[in-house]
Amino acid sequence: MDVRPAKQSDISQTSFLWYERIALLQQTDSYFTALPSGVQVWQETATKWIIDDNVGFFVAEVNNDVVGYMVVTLVDGPVGLRPKKLARLIDMGMDLHQSHSGLGGQLLEQVTNWMREQNLRVLTIDLPLRYPVEEAFWRSQGAKARFNEYWMLI
C-alpha cells in the first residue's frame, strides 16, 4: 500500500469513495443528502484542497487503485483557549468492498506527520452518530468524545 499526498489524477477515484460513504450514511441519517451535482461539487472542492497549503489531503493506493483518503485542514482553536490552532478532519473515505489491513492507521499516520510539520497537536473529528465502524476506529486510535453536535431545523 502506498500512502501519499493526493494528486489531481486521484480526484475521480476519491470522489467515488466519497459518494459510497454518503450513500451508506444516508441509510441511517436523513441529514446526509447529496445534491444532484454533489459529486461534481466535491470534485471541484477536492481540486482546491490539493493546492491549499492549509489542507493535508492523503490517499492510499493499492495496485493503482485509490482505496482510501483522509483530508484535514488547519483551523483556529476555541476563542481564548488552547490550542490557538488545530487540525480538523474534513473528509475521509475507504473502500467498502474489500478489506485493506491497516488502511485507516496508515492514512492517519500521514495526517499526523502533516500536523507535526504544521506544529499542530490536536485533531478534531466530527463522527457520524450512527456509524459504529468509524467510532471504533477513532477510539482505537486514542480519540475521546468531547462534544455532542446537534442540528436543529427551523
N, C-alpha and C. Protein backbone atom coordinates (compact mmCIF):
# COMPACT_ATOMS: atom_id res chain seq x y z
N MET A 1 0.85 -1.18 0.00
CA MET A 1 0.00 0.00 0.00
C MET A 1 0.89 1.24 0.00
N ASP A 2 0.59 2.15 -0.88
CA ASP A 2 1.33 3.41 -0.97
C ASP A 2 0.42 4.52 -0.44
N VAL A 3 0.86 5.19 0.60
CA VAL A 3 0.09 6.32 1.17
C VAL A 3 0.88 7.57 0.87
N ARG A 4 0.20 8.55 0.25
CA ARG A 4 0.90 9.73 -0.25
C ARG A 4 -0.06 10.90 -0.35
N PRO A 5 0.49 12.11 -0.58
CA PRO A 5 -0.39 13.26 -0.84
C PRO A 5 -1.20 13.03 -2.12
N ALA A 6 -2.41 13.51 -2.11
CA ALA A 6 -3.30 13.35 -3.27
C ALA A 6 -2.81 14.20 -4.43
N LYS A 7 -3.12 13.71 -5.63
CA LYS A 7 -2.83 14.43 -6.88
C LYS A 7 -4.14 14.64 -7.63
N GLN A 8 -4.11 15.53 -8.57
CA GLN A 8 -5.30 15.80 -9.40
C GLN A 8 -5.85 14.51 -10.02
N SER A 9 -4.97 13.63 -10.43
CA SER A 9 -5.40 12.38 -11.07
C SER A 9 -6.13 11.43 -10.11
N ASP A 10 -6.12 11.72 -8.81
CA ASP A 10 -6.82 10.88 -7.81
C ASP A 10 -8.26 11.31 -7.60
N ILE A 11 -8.65 12.46 -8.12
CA ILE A 11 -9.95 13.04 -7.80
C ILE A 11 -11.11 12.12 -8.19
N SER A 12 -11.07 11.53 -9.35
CA SER A 12 -12.17 10.67 -9.79
C SER A 12 -12.38 9.49 -8.83
N GLN A 13 -11.29 8.81 -8.48
CA GLN A 13 -11.41 7.65 -7.60
C GLN A 13 -11.81 8.05 -6.18
N THR A 14 -11.27 9.16 -5.68
CA THR A 14 -11.64 9.57 -4.32
C THR A 14 -13.10 10.03 -4.28
N SER A 15 -13.59 10.64 -5.36
CA SER A 15 -14.99 11.07 -5.36
C SER A 15 -15.92 9.86 -5.35
N PHE A 16 -15.51 8.76 -5.94
CA PHE A 16 -16.31 7.53 -5.89
C PHE A 16 -16.39 7.03 -4.45
N LEU A 17 -15.25 7.04 -3.74
CA LEU A 17 -15.26 6.63 -2.34
C LEU A 17 -16.13 7.57 -1.50
N TRP A 18 -16.07 8.87 -1.78
CA TRP A 18 -16.92 9.85 -1.08
C TRP A 18 -18.39 9.51 -1.29
N TYR A 19 -18.77 9.28 -2.53
CA TYR A 19 -20.18 9.01 -2.85
C TYR A 19 -20.66 7.74 -2.16
N GLU A 20 -19.85 6.70 -2.16
CA GLU A 20 -20.24 5.46 -1.50
C GLU A 20 -20.45 5.67 0.00
N ARG A 21 -19.59 6.45 0.63
CA ARG A 21 -19.74 6.72 2.06
C ARG A 21 -21.03 7.49 2.33
N ILE A 22 -21.30 8.50 1.52
CA ILE A 22 -22.52 9.27 1.71
C ILE A 22 -23.75 8.38 1.50
N ALA A 23 -23.74 7.53 0.50
CA ALA A 23 -24.87 6.62 0.26
C ALA A 23 -25.09 5.72 1.47
N LEU A 24 -24.02 5.27 2.10
CA LEU A 24 -24.15 4.43 3.29
C LEU A 24 -24.68 5.24 4.47
N LEU A 25 -24.13 6.43 4.69
CA LEU A 25 -24.57 7.25 5.82
C LEU A 25 -26.02 7.69 5.68
N GLN A 26 -26.49 7.90 4.46
CA GLN A 26 -27.88 8.31 4.23
C GLN A 26 -28.87 7.28 4.76
N GLN A 27 -28.46 6.04 4.85
CA GLN A 27 -29.36 4.97 5.28
C GLN A 27 -29.75 5.09 6.75
N THR A 28 -28.92 5.77 7.54
CA THR A 28 -29.22 5.90 8.96
C THR A 28 -29.38 7.35 9.42
N ASP A 29 -29.11 8.31 8.54
CA ASP A 29 -29.18 9.72 8.93
C ASP A 29 -29.68 10.54 7.75
N SER A 30 -30.88 11.03 7.85
CA SER A 30 -31.50 11.77 6.75
C SER A 30 -30.81 13.11 6.46
N TYR A 31 -29.97 13.58 7.37
CA TYR A 31 -29.25 14.83 7.10
C TYR A 31 -28.17 14.66 6.04
N PHE A 32 -27.74 13.43 5.80
CA PHE A 32 -26.77 13.16 4.73
C PHE A 32 -27.53 13.03 3.42
N THR A 33 -27.71 14.13 2.75
CA THR A 33 -28.44 14.15 1.49
C THR A 33 -27.57 14.82 0.44
N ALA A 34 -27.10 14.02 -0.50
CA ALA A 34 -26.24 14.56 -1.54
C ALA A 34 -27.05 15.41 -2.51
N LEU A 35 -26.44 16.48 -2.96
CA LEU A 35 -27.04 17.29 -4.02
C LEU A 35 -27.00 16.50 -5.33
N PRO A 36 -27.89 16.80 -6.28
CA PRO A 36 -27.79 16.14 -7.59
C PRO A 36 -26.41 16.33 -8.23
N SER A 37 -25.79 17.45 -7.97
CA SER A 37 -24.44 17.73 -8.50
C SER A 37 -23.37 17.49 -7.44
N GLY A 38 -23.70 16.70 -6.41
CA GLY A 38 -22.80 16.52 -5.28
C GLY A 38 -21.41 16.02 -5.64
N VAL A 39 -21.33 15.05 -6.53
CA VAL A 39 -20.02 14.51 -6.91
C VAL A 39 -19.19 15.58 -7.60
N GLN A 40 -19.82 16.33 -8.50
CA GLN A 40 -19.09 17.39 -9.21
C GLN A 40 -18.62 18.47 -8.24
N VAL A 41 -19.47 18.87 -7.31
CA VAL A 41 -19.11 19.87 -6.31
C VAL A 41 -17.96 19.35 -5.45
N TRP A 42 -18.06 18.09 -5.05
CA TRP A 42 -16.99 17.50 -4.23
C TRP A 42 -15.68 17.50 -5.02
N GLN A 43 -15.72 17.12 -6.28
CA GLN A 43 -14.51 17.08 -7.11
C GLN A 43 -13.88 18.48 -7.24
N GLU A 44 -14.71 19.49 -7.43
CA GLU A 44 -14.20 20.86 -7.54
C GLU A 44 -13.54 21.30 -6.24
N THR A 45 -14.16 20.95 -5.12
CA THR A 45 -13.61 21.30 -3.81
C THR A 45 -12.32 20.54 -3.56
N ALA A 46 -12.30 19.26 -3.88
CA ALA A 46 -11.11 18.43 -3.67
C ALA A 46 -9.93 18.95 -4.49
N THR A 47 -10.21 19.45 -5.68
CA THR A 47 -9.16 20.04 -6.51
C THR A 47 -8.52 21.22 -5.79
N LYS A 48 -9.33 22.02 -5.10
CA LYS A 48 -8.80 23.15 -4.33
C LYS A 48 -8.01 22.67 -3.11
N TRP A 49 -8.47 21.59 -2.49
CA TRP A 49 -7.76 21.06 -1.32
C TRP A 49 -6.33 20.68 -1.69
N ILE A 50 -6.15 20.10 -2.86
CA ILE A 50 -4.83 19.61 -3.28
C ILE A 50 -3.79 20.72 -3.29
N ILE A 51 -4.19 21.93 -3.66
CA ILE A 51 -3.23 23.03 -3.79
C ILE A 51 -3.22 23.97 -2.59
N ASP A 52 -4.05 23.71 -1.59
CA ASP A 52 -4.15 24.58 -0.42
C ASP A 52 -3.12 24.15 0.63
N ASP A 53 -2.22 25.06 0.99
CA ASP A 53 -1.19 24.75 1.99
C ASP A 53 -1.76 24.49 3.38
N ASN A 54 -2.99 24.93 3.63
CA ASN A 54 -3.63 24.71 4.93
C ASN A 54 -4.42 23.41 4.99
N VAL A 55 -4.31 22.60 3.95
CA VAL A 55 -5.04 21.33 3.88
C VAL A 55 -4.05 20.20 3.63
N GLY A 56 -4.22 19.12 4.37
CA GLY A 56 -3.49 17.88 4.12
C GLY A 56 -4.47 16.87 3.52
N PHE A 57 -4.24 16.45 2.30
CA PHE A 57 -5.12 15.53 1.58
C PHE A 57 -4.27 14.33 1.19
N PHE A 58 -4.57 13.17 1.77
CA PHE A 58 -3.75 11.99 1.57
C PHE A 58 -4.60 10.83 1.05
N VAL A 59 -3.99 10.04 0.17
CA VAL A 59 -4.66 8.87 -0.39
C VAL A 59 -3.83 7.63 -0.13
N ALA A 60 -4.51 6.49 -0.09
CA ALA A 60 -3.86 5.18 -0.03
C ALA A 60 -4.18 4.47 -1.34
N GLU A 61 -3.13 3.93 -1.94
CA GLU A 61 -3.26 3.32 -3.26
C GLU A 61 -2.76 1.87 -3.21
N VAL A 62 -3.52 0.98 -3.82
CA VAL A 62 -3.11 -0.42 -3.96
C VAL A 62 -3.30 -0.80 -5.42
N ASN A 63 -2.23 -1.25 -6.07
CA ASN A 63 -2.30 -1.66 -7.49
C ASN A 63 -2.95 -0.58 -8.36
N ASN A 64 -2.53 0.66 -8.18
CA ASN A 64 -3.02 1.81 -8.96
C ASN A 64 -4.48 2.18 -8.68
N ASP A 65 -5.07 1.60 -7.65
CA ASP A 65 -6.44 1.96 -7.26
C ASP A 65 -6.40 2.69 -5.92
N VAL A 66 -7.06 3.85 -5.85
CA VAL A 66 -7.17 4.56 -4.59
C VAL A 66 -8.21 3.83 -3.74
N VAL A 67 -7.78 3.38 -2.56
CA VAL A 67 -8.66 2.59 -1.69
C VAL A 67 -9.05 3.35 -0.42
N GLY A 68 -8.53 4.55 -0.24
CA GLY A 68 -8.90 5.35 0.91
C GLY A 68 -8.29 6.73 0.85
N TYR A 69 -8.87 7.65 1.61
CA TYR A 69 -8.33 9.01 1.68
C TYR A 69 -8.74 9.65 3.00
N MET A 70 -7.96 10.62 3.43
CA MET A 70 -8.28 11.48 4.57
C MET A 70 -7.88 12.90 4.21
N VAL A 71 -8.71 13.85 4.65
CA VAL A 71 -8.45 15.26 4.40
C VAL A 71 -8.58 16.01 5.73
N VAL A 72 -7.54 16.78 6.06
CA VAL A 72 -7.57 17.60 7.27
C VAL A 72 -7.22 19.03 6.90
N THR A 73 -7.70 19.96 7.71
CA THR A 73 -7.40 21.37 7.47
C THR A 73 -7.00 22.04 8.77
N LEU A 74 -6.23 23.08 8.62
CA LEU A 74 -5.81 23.92 9.74
C LEU A 74 -6.96 24.87 10.08
N VAL A 75 -7.34 24.92 11.36
CA VAL A 75 -8.41 25.82 11.80
C VAL A 75 -8.01 26.50 13.10
N ASP A 76 -8.70 27.60 13.41
CA ASP A 76 -8.49 28.27 14.69
C ASP A 76 -9.06 27.42 15.81
N GLY A 77 -8.38 27.45 16.95
CA GLY A 77 -8.89 26.78 18.14
C GLY A 77 -10.00 27.59 18.78
N PRO A 78 -10.57 27.09 19.86
CA PRO A 78 -11.63 27.83 20.55
C PRO A 78 -11.11 29.19 21.03
N VAL A 79 -11.92 30.20 20.88
CA VAL A 79 -11.54 31.57 21.23
C VAL A 79 -11.13 31.64 22.70
N GLY A 80 -9.95 32.18 22.94
CA GLY A 80 -9.46 32.38 24.30
C GLY A 80 -8.93 31.13 24.98
N LEU A 81 -8.91 30.01 24.28
CA LEU A 81 -8.45 28.76 24.88
C LEU A 81 -7.30 28.19 24.07
N ARG A 82 -6.63 27.21 24.64
CA ARG A 82 -5.59 26.49 23.93
C ARG A 82 -6.20 25.26 23.29
N PRO A 83 -5.69 24.83 22.20
CA PRO A 83 -4.64 25.43 21.38
C PRO A 83 -5.20 26.54 20.50
N LYS A 84 -4.31 27.43 20.07
CA LYS A 84 -4.74 28.52 19.19
C LYS A 84 -5.08 28.00 17.80
N LYS A 85 -4.37 26.97 17.35
CA LYS A 85 -4.61 26.35 16.05
C LYS A 85 -4.72 24.84 16.25
N LEU A 86 -5.53 24.20 15.43
CA LEU A 86 -5.66 22.75 15.48
C LEU A 86 -6.01 22.25 14.09
N ALA A 87 -6.05 20.95 13.95
CA ALA A 87 -6.44 20.33 12.68
C ALA A 87 -7.84 19.76 12.83
N ARG A 88 -8.61 19.84 11.74
CA ARG A 88 -9.96 19.28 11.72
C ARG A 88 -10.03 18.31 10.55
N LEU A 89 -10.50 17.10 10.84
CA LEU A 89 -10.76 16.14 9.77
C LEU A 89 -11.99 16.63 9.02
N ILE A 90 -11.84 16.93 7.74
CA ILE A 90 -12.98 17.44 6.99
C ILE A 90 -13.58 16.41 6.04
N ASP A 91 -12.86 15.31 5.80
CA ASP A 91 -13.43 14.27 4.95
C ASP A 91 -12.56 13.03 5.01
N MET A 92 -13.20 11.90 4.78
CA MET A 92 -12.48 10.65 4.66
C MET A 92 -13.37 9.64 3.95
N GLY A 93 -12.75 8.67 3.34
CA GLY A 93 -13.49 7.60 2.68
C GLY A 93 -12.58 6.40 2.51
N MET A 94 -13.18 5.22 2.59
CA MET A 94 -12.44 3.97 2.46
C MET A 94 -13.20 3.03 1.53
N ASP A 95 -12.46 2.16 0.87
CA ASP A 95 -13.05 1.14 0.02
C ASP A 95 -13.94 0.25 0.88
N LEU A 96 -15.22 0.17 0.54
CA LEU A 96 -16.17 -0.62 1.31
C LEU A 96 -16.34 -2.04 0.77
N HIS A 97 -15.64 -2.38 -0.30
CA HIS A 97 -15.85 -3.65 -0.97
C HIS A 97 -14.86 -4.73 -0.58
N GLN A 98 -13.71 -4.33 -0.05
CA GLN A 98 -12.76 -5.32 0.43
C GLN A 98 -11.92 -4.72 1.53
N SER A 99 -11.39 -5.59 2.36
CA SER A 99 -10.59 -5.16 3.50
C SER A 99 -9.17 -4.83 3.06
N HIS A 100 -8.64 -3.77 3.64
CA HIS A 100 -7.25 -3.38 3.42
C HIS A 100 -6.65 -3.17 4.81
N SER A 101 -6.02 -4.19 5.31
CA SER A 101 -5.50 -4.17 6.67
C SER A 101 -4.60 -2.96 6.91
N GLY A 102 -4.91 -2.23 7.97
CA GLY A 102 -4.10 -1.09 8.36
C GLY A 102 -4.34 0.19 7.58
N LEU A 103 -5.33 0.19 6.69
CA LEU A 103 -5.59 1.34 5.82
C LEU A 103 -5.80 2.63 6.61
N GLY A 104 -6.74 2.63 7.53
CA GLY A 104 -7.02 3.84 8.30
C GLY A 104 -5.82 4.31 9.10
N GLY A 105 -5.12 3.37 9.72
CA GLY A 105 -3.95 3.72 10.51
C GLY A 105 -2.83 4.34 9.67
N GLN A 106 -2.63 3.81 8.47
CA GLN A 106 -1.58 4.36 7.61
C GLN A 106 -1.94 5.76 7.12
N LEU A 107 -3.22 5.98 6.80
CA LEU A 107 -3.64 7.32 6.41
C LEU A 107 -3.48 8.29 7.58
N LEU A 108 -3.90 7.83 8.76
CA LEU A 108 -3.79 8.69 9.94
C LEU A 108 -2.33 9.02 10.24
N GLU A 109 -1.42 8.09 9.99
CA GLU A 109 0.00 8.37 10.20
C GLU A 109 0.46 9.52 9.30
N GLN A 110 0.02 9.54 8.05
CA GLN A 110 0.36 10.65 7.16
C GLN A 110 -0.24 11.96 7.65
N VAL A 111 -1.48 11.89 8.14
CA VAL A 111 -2.14 13.08 8.69
C VAL A 111 -1.36 13.61 9.88
N THR A 112 -0.97 12.73 10.79
CA THR A 112 -0.26 13.21 11.98
C THR A 112 1.13 13.75 11.62
N ASN A 113 1.77 13.17 10.61
CA ASN A 113 3.06 13.73 10.15
C ASN A 113 2.84 15.15 9.61
N TRP A 114 1.79 15.34 8.81
CA TRP A 114 1.47 16.67 8.28
C TRP A 114 1.19 17.64 9.44
N MET A 115 0.45 17.16 10.45
CA MET A 115 0.15 18.01 11.59
C MET A 115 1.43 18.45 12.31
N ARG A 116 2.34 17.53 12.50
CA ARG A 116 3.61 17.89 13.16
C ARG A 116 4.36 18.96 12.37
N GLU A 117 4.35 18.83 11.05
CA GLU A 117 5.00 19.84 10.20
C GLU A 117 4.35 21.21 10.36
N GLN A 118 3.07 21.24 10.69
CA GLN A 118 2.33 22.50 10.90
C GLN A 118 2.35 22.93 12.36
N ASN A 119 3.07 22.19 13.21
CA ASN A 119 3.11 22.44 14.66
C ASN A 119 1.74 22.33 15.31
N LEU A 120 0.96 21.35 14.87
CA LEU A 120 -0.37 21.10 15.43
C LEU A 120 -0.32 19.83 16.27
N ARG A 121 -1.05 19.84 17.36
CA ARG A 121 -1.06 18.68 18.24
C ARG A 121 -2.46 18.14 18.50
N VAL A 122 -3.50 18.81 18.01
CA VAL A 122 -4.87 18.38 18.26
C VAL A 122 -5.59 18.18 16.93
N LEU A 123 -6.26 17.04 16.81
CA LEU A 123 -7.09 16.74 15.64
C LEU A 123 -8.53 16.59 16.12
N THR A 124 -9.44 17.33 15.51
CA THR A 124 -10.86 17.17 15.83
C THR A 124 -11.53 16.40 14.70
N ILE A 125 -12.49 15.56 15.09
CA ILE A 125 -13.17 14.68 14.15
C ILE A 125 -14.67 14.77 14.42
N ASP A 126 -15.45 15.12 13.39
CA ASP A 126 -16.90 15.04 13.51
C ASP A 126 -17.30 13.64 13.07
N LEU A 127 -17.77 12.86 14.01
CA LEU A 127 -18.07 11.45 13.77
C LEU A 127 -19.56 11.26 13.52
N PRO A 128 -19.93 10.59 12.44
CA PRO A 128 -21.36 10.31 12.23
C PRO A 128 -21.92 9.55 13.43
N LEU A 129 -23.10 9.94 13.86
CA LEU A 129 -23.69 9.39 15.09
C LEU A 129 -23.95 7.89 15.02
N ARG A 130 -24.46 7.41 13.92
CA ARG A 130 -24.85 6.00 13.83
C ARG A 130 -23.94 5.24 12.87
N TYR A 131 -22.63 5.37 13.08
CA TYR A 131 -21.66 4.69 12.23
C TYR A 131 -20.59 4.09 13.14
N PRO A 132 -20.90 2.93 13.75
CA PRO A 132 -20.00 2.36 14.75
C PRO A 132 -18.62 1.97 14.23
N VAL A 133 -18.50 1.70 12.94
CA VAL A 133 -17.19 1.33 12.39
C VAL A 133 -16.20 2.49 12.56
N GLU A 134 -16.62 3.69 12.19
CA GLU A 134 -15.73 4.85 12.35
C GLU A 134 -15.49 5.15 13.82
N GLU A 135 -16.52 5.04 14.63
CA GLU A 135 -16.35 5.30 16.06
C GLU A 135 -15.30 4.35 16.64
N ALA A 136 -15.40 3.07 16.30
CA ALA A 136 -14.43 2.09 16.81
C ALA A 136 -13.02 2.42 16.33
N PHE A 137 -12.89 2.83 15.06
CA PHE A 137 -11.56 3.18 14.55
C PHE A 137 -10.97 4.32 15.35
N TRP A 138 -11.72 5.41 15.51
CA TRP A 138 -11.15 6.59 16.17
C TRP A 138 -10.86 6.31 17.64
N ARG A 139 -11.73 5.55 18.30
CA ARG A 139 -11.44 5.19 19.70
C ARG A 139 -10.18 4.35 19.80
N SER A 140 -10.00 3.43 18.84
CA SER A 140 -8.80 2.58 18.86
C SER A 140 -7.52 3.40 18.64
N GLN A 141 -7.65 4.57 18.04
CA GLN A 141 -6.51 5.46 17.81
C GLN A 141 -6.27 6.40 18.99
N GLY A 142 -7.13 6.32 20.01
CA GLY A 142 -6.96 7.14 21.20
C GLY A 142 -7.83 8.39 21.24
N ALA A 143 -8.70 8.57 20.24
CA ALA A 143 -9.59 9.74 20.25
C ALA A 143 -10.63 9.59 21.36
N LYS A 144 -11.00 10.71 21.94
CA LYS A 144 -12.01 10.73 23.02
C LYS A 144 -13.14 11.67 22.64
N ALA A 145 -14.37 11.27 22.95
CA ALA A 145 -15.53 12.12 22.70
C ALA A 145 -15.43 13.36 23.58
N ARG A 146 -15.75 14.51 23.00
CA ARG A 146 -15.66 15.76 23.74
C ARG A 146 -16.93 16.59 23.65
N PHE A 147 -17.61 16.58 22.51
CA PHE A 147 -18.82 17.37 22.31
C PHE A 147 -19.89 16.50 21.65
N ASN A 148 -21.12 16.88 21.85
CA ASN A 148 -22.23 16.38 21.05
C ASN A 148 -22.67 17.53 20.16
N GLU A 149 -22.77 17.28 18.87
CA GLU A 149 -23.21 18.32 17.95
C GLU A 149 -24.67 18.06 17.61
N TYR A 150 -25.48 19.11 17.65
CA TYR A 150 -26.90 18.99 17.33
C TYR A 150 -27.24 19.85 16.12
N TRP A 151 -28.16 19.37 15.34
CA TRP A 151 -28.69 20.14 14.21
C TRP A 151 -30.16 20.40 14.52
N MET A 152 -30.60 21.62 14.31
CA MET A 152 -31.99 21.98 14.57
C MET A 152 -32.56 22.63 13.32
N LEU A 153 -33.59 22.05 12.78
CA LEU A 153 -34.25 22.61 11.60
C LEU A 153 -35.25 23.66 12.05
N ILE A 154 -35.25 24.83 11.38
CA ILE A 154 -36.22 25.88 11.72
C ILE A 154 -36.91 26.36 10.46
